[in-house]
Protein backbone atom coordinates (compact mmCIF):
# COMPACT_ATOMS: atom_id res chain seq x y z
CA MET A 1 4.78 -6.97 -1.18
CA ILE A 2 3.83 -4.68 1.67
CA ALA A 3 1.81 -1.98 0.00
CA GLN A 4 -0.48 0.47 1.70
CA GLU A 5 -2.42 3.47 0.53
CA ALA A 6 -0.41 6.66 0.42
CA TYR A 7 -2.03 10.02 0.73
CA CYS A 8 0.28 12.45 -1.07
CA THR A 9 -0.15 16.14 -0.66
CA THR A 10 2.73 18.09 -2.06
CA GLY A 11 2.73 21.12 0.18
CA GLN A 12 2.32 23.11 -3.04
CA PHE A 13 -0.79 24.85 -1.85
CA ARG A 14 -2.32 28.13 -2.91
CA ASP A 15 -0.34 30.02 -0.24
CA HIS A 16 2.87 28.07 -0.82
CA ASP A 17 5.03 31.21 -0.84
CA HIS A 18 4.07 31.88 2.78
CA TYR A 19 5.68 28.62 3.96
CA HIS A 20 9.35 27.73 4.17
CA ARG A 21 10.80 24.36 5.13
CA HIS A 22 7.31 22.94 5.58
CA CYS A 23 7.97 19.23 5.14
CA GLY A 24 6.96 18.41 8.75
CA PRO A 25 3.48 19.96 8.47
CA THR A 26 3.04 18.34 5.04
CA ALA A 27 4.00 14.88 6.38
CA ILE A 28 1.69 15.30 9.38
CA THR A 29 -1.17 16.44 7.13
CA ASN A 30 -0.67 13.27 5.03
CA LEU A 31 -0.55 11.17 8.20
CA LEU A 32 -3.77 12.70 9.57
CA LEU A 33 -5.57 12.04 6.28
CA THR A 34 -4.28 8.46 6.10
CA THR A 35 -5.29 7.78 9.70
CA ALA A 36 -8.75 9.27 9.28
CA MET A 37 -9.34 7.17 6.15
CA ARG A 38 -8.12 3.93 7.78
CA ARG A 39 -10.21 4.52 10.87
CA ARG A 40 -13.22 5.70 8.85
CA GLN A 41 -13.11 9.06 10.65
CA ARG A 42 -12.63 11.35 7.64
CA GLY A 43 -15.43 13.52 9.00
CA ASN A 44 -13.12 14.62 11.84
CA LEU A 45 -11.04 16.62 9.36
CA PRO A 46 -11.94 19.60 7.17
CA GLN A 47 -12.63 18.66 3.55
CA GLU A 48 -9.98 21.06 2.23
CA THR A 49 -6.44 19.77 2.64
CA GLN A 50 -5.22 23.38 2.74
CA LYS A 51 -7.19 23.97 5.96
CA ILE A 52 -5.66 20.91 7.61
CA PHE A 53 -2.16 21.96 6.57
CA ASP A 54 -2.68 25.54 7.81
CA ARG A 55 -3.88 24.31 11.22
CA VAL A 56 -1.04 21.79 11.53
CA ALA A 57 1.51 24.50 10.67
CA GLN A 58 -0.14 26.86 13.17
CA ILE A 59 0.04 24.24 15.94
CA GLY A 60 3.73 23.68 15.19
CA ARG A 61 4.54 27.39 15.17
CA ARG A 62 2.64 28.03 18.39
CA ARG A 63 4.46 25.18 20.17
CA LEU A 64 7.83 26.21 18.65
CA VAL A 65 8.19 22.81 17.02
CA TYR A 66 7.92 24.16 13.47
CA ILE A 67 9.79 27.34 12.56
CA ASN A 68 8.46 28.81 9.31
CA MET A 69 11.66 30.30 7.94
CA ASP A 70 14.67 29.33 5.89
CA LEU A 71 17.77 31.15 7.06
CA PHE A 72 20.79 30.35 4.86
CA HIS A 73 19.29 26.88 4.20
CA ARG A 74 20.28 25.93 7.76
CA PHE A 75 17.60 27.16 10.11
CA GLY A 76 13.89 26.50 10.08
CA GLY A 77 11.61 23.54 9.69
CA THR A 78 10.37 20.91 12.13
CA SER A 79 12.35 19.80 15.15
CA ASP A 80 13.39 16.15 14.86
CA ALA A 81 13.44 15.74 18.63
CA LEU A 82 9.90 17.12 19.07
CA ALA A 83 8.26 15.46 16.06
CA GLY A 84 6.48 12.83 18.21
CA PHE A 85 5.06 15.52 20.49
CA TYR A 86 3.96 17.49 17.42
CA LEU A 87 2.26 14.45 15.87
CA ARG A 88 0.34 13.67 19.05
CA ARG A 89 -0.81 17.27 19.44
CA CYS A 90 -2.14 17.37 15.87
CA PHE A 91 -4.03 14.09 16.34
CA THR A 92 -5.62 15.45 19.51
CA GLU A 93 -6.63 18.63 17.68
CA TYR A 94 -8.77 16.58 15.28
CA ARG A 95 -10.18 14.19 17.89
CA LEU A 96 -8.24 11.25 16.47
CA ARG A 97 -6.79 8.79 18.96
CA PRO A 98 -3.05 9.53 19.05
CA PRO A 99 -0.99 6.72 17.52
CA ALA A 100 1.53 4.59 19.32
CA LEU A 101 5.01 5.81 18.38
CA ARG A 102 8.32 3.99 18.40
CA PHE A 103 11.53 5.86 17.68
CA GLN A 104 14.29 4.09 15.72
CA PRO A 105 17.52 6.13 15.67
CA PHE A 106 19.40 3.56 13.54
CA PRO A 107 16.85 1.66 11.45
CA THR A 108 17.90 -1.38 9.47
CA GLU A 109 16.22 -2.72 6.37
CA GLY A 110 14.86 -5.55 8.51
CA SER A 111 13.37 -3.23 11.15
CA VAL A 112 11.79 -1.04 8.47
CA THR A 113 10.26 -4.09 6.76
CA GLN A 114 8.91 -5.44 10.07
CA ALA A 115 7.33 -2.09 10.94
CA LEU A 116 5.60 -1.95 7.55
CA GLU A 117 4.41 -5.54 7.96
CA ARG A 118 2.74 -4.46 11.22
CA GLY A 119 0.75 -1.92 9.20
CA SER A 120 2.66 1.08 10.51
CA VAL A 121 3.40 4.26 8.58
CA LEU A 122 6.99 5.45 8.96
CA TYR A 123 7.74 9.11 9.62
CA LEU A 124 11.24 9.46 8.19
CA GLN A 125 13.69 12.17 9.20
CA VAL A 126 16.52 12.33 6.66
CA ARG A 127 19.67 14.35 7.37
CA GLY A 128 22.05 15.57 4.69
CA HIS A 129 20.31 13.52 2.01
CA SER A 130 21.76 13.93 -1.48
CA ARG A 131 18.36 14.86 -2.93
CA TYR A 132 16.31 16.12 0.03
CA GLY A 133 18.86 17.63 2.38
CA ASN A 134 17.21 17.73 5.82
CA HIS A 135 13.66 16.57 5.26
CA HIS A 136 10.65 14.82 6.84
CA MET A 137 8.53 12.43 4.78
CA LEU A 138 6.44 9.27 5.10
CA CYS A 139 7.05 5.67 4.06
CA TYR A 140 3.92 3.62 3.37
CA GLY A 141 5.07 0.33 1.93
CA ARG A 142 7.68 -1.98 0.45
CA GLU A 143 7.60 -3.65 -2.95
CA GLU A 144 9.71 -6.69 -3.83
CA GLN A 145 11.18 -6.66 -7.31
CA PRO A 146 10.66 -9.76 -9.50
CA ASP A 147 14.21 -9.76 -10.89
CA GLY A 148 15.89 -9.95 -7.47
CA ALA A 149 16.77 -6.24 -7.51
CA PRO A 150 16.59 -4.41 -4.17
CA ALA A 151 13.09 -3.83 -2.80
CA LEU A 152 11.53 -0.42 -3.32
CA TYR A 153 9.97 1.63 -0.52
CA ARG A 154 6.90 3.78 -1.26
CA ILE A 155 7.60 7.32 -0.03
CA ALA A 156 5.30 10.34 0.21
CA ASP A 157 8.07 12.93 0.03
CA GLY A 158 5.92 16.07 0.06
CA TRP A 159 7.47 17.20 -3.21
CA SER A 160 5.63 14.88 -5.60
CA ASN A 161 1.90 14.29 -5.83
CA LYS A 162 2.52 10.57 -6.38
CA PRO A 163 4.50 8.17 -4.19
CA VAL A 164 8.23 8.04 -4.94
CA ARG A 165 9.94 4.64 -4.92
CA MET A 166 13.41 4.31 -3.40
CA THR A 167 15.67 1.48 -2.31
CA PHE A 168 16.79 1.28 1.31
CA LYS A 169 20.25 2.41 0.22
CA GLU A 170 18.77 5.47 -1.54
CA LEU A 171 17.15 6.55 1.72
CA GLU A 172 20.71 7.18 2.96
CA HIS A 173 20.98 8.48 6.53
CA PHE A 174 17.69 8.65 8.37
CA ARG A 175 15.88 8.12 11.63
CA LEU A 176 12.26 7.22 11.93
CA LEU A 177 9.19 7.26 14.08
CA GLU A 178 7.12 4.14 13.59
CA VAL A 179 3.52 5.36 13.69
CA ARG A 180 1.08 2.61 14.59
CA ILE A 181 -2.26 4.05 13.58
CA GLY A 182 -4.28 0.86 13.22
CA GLY A 183 -7.83 0.66 11.95
CA ASN A 184 -11.14 1.38 13.67
């Protein structure tokens, strides 16, 4: 079992109606909180998650990486191609050492498992998913099932305030950034 802590904000903040297609900023907020906790640098971030999210969204809008609109359910959200740049910029904003990133355009179950075994957090970019559509979310761990059923992956999807568990097949079509945040 490869299980790690998952910080799960839902993006359902007080000012939720002001944000559209905000899965990228939510995933990055979760990633910043996870990194700060692992590195024992929680003091680098504001105590209120809402403040972190607002700043992350502002950084993305200013850099034109995150477009806060939903036009016909087709336009808006976080750029897949610029997600690594966006992540690094947000880490720098909070004086956290930027993580090493490795892009996997065609991940396999084996490559996902190996990345999790290295202690990485996976920034998933799903496209045309049956449940999520186009969405960004984090994968924190893998759990073997005792009855030989397919392993379950622990996902912070930004919609639930608890990790969601999905099989590799249920992840459908996705790309990922392996985020190696390490400890201290």
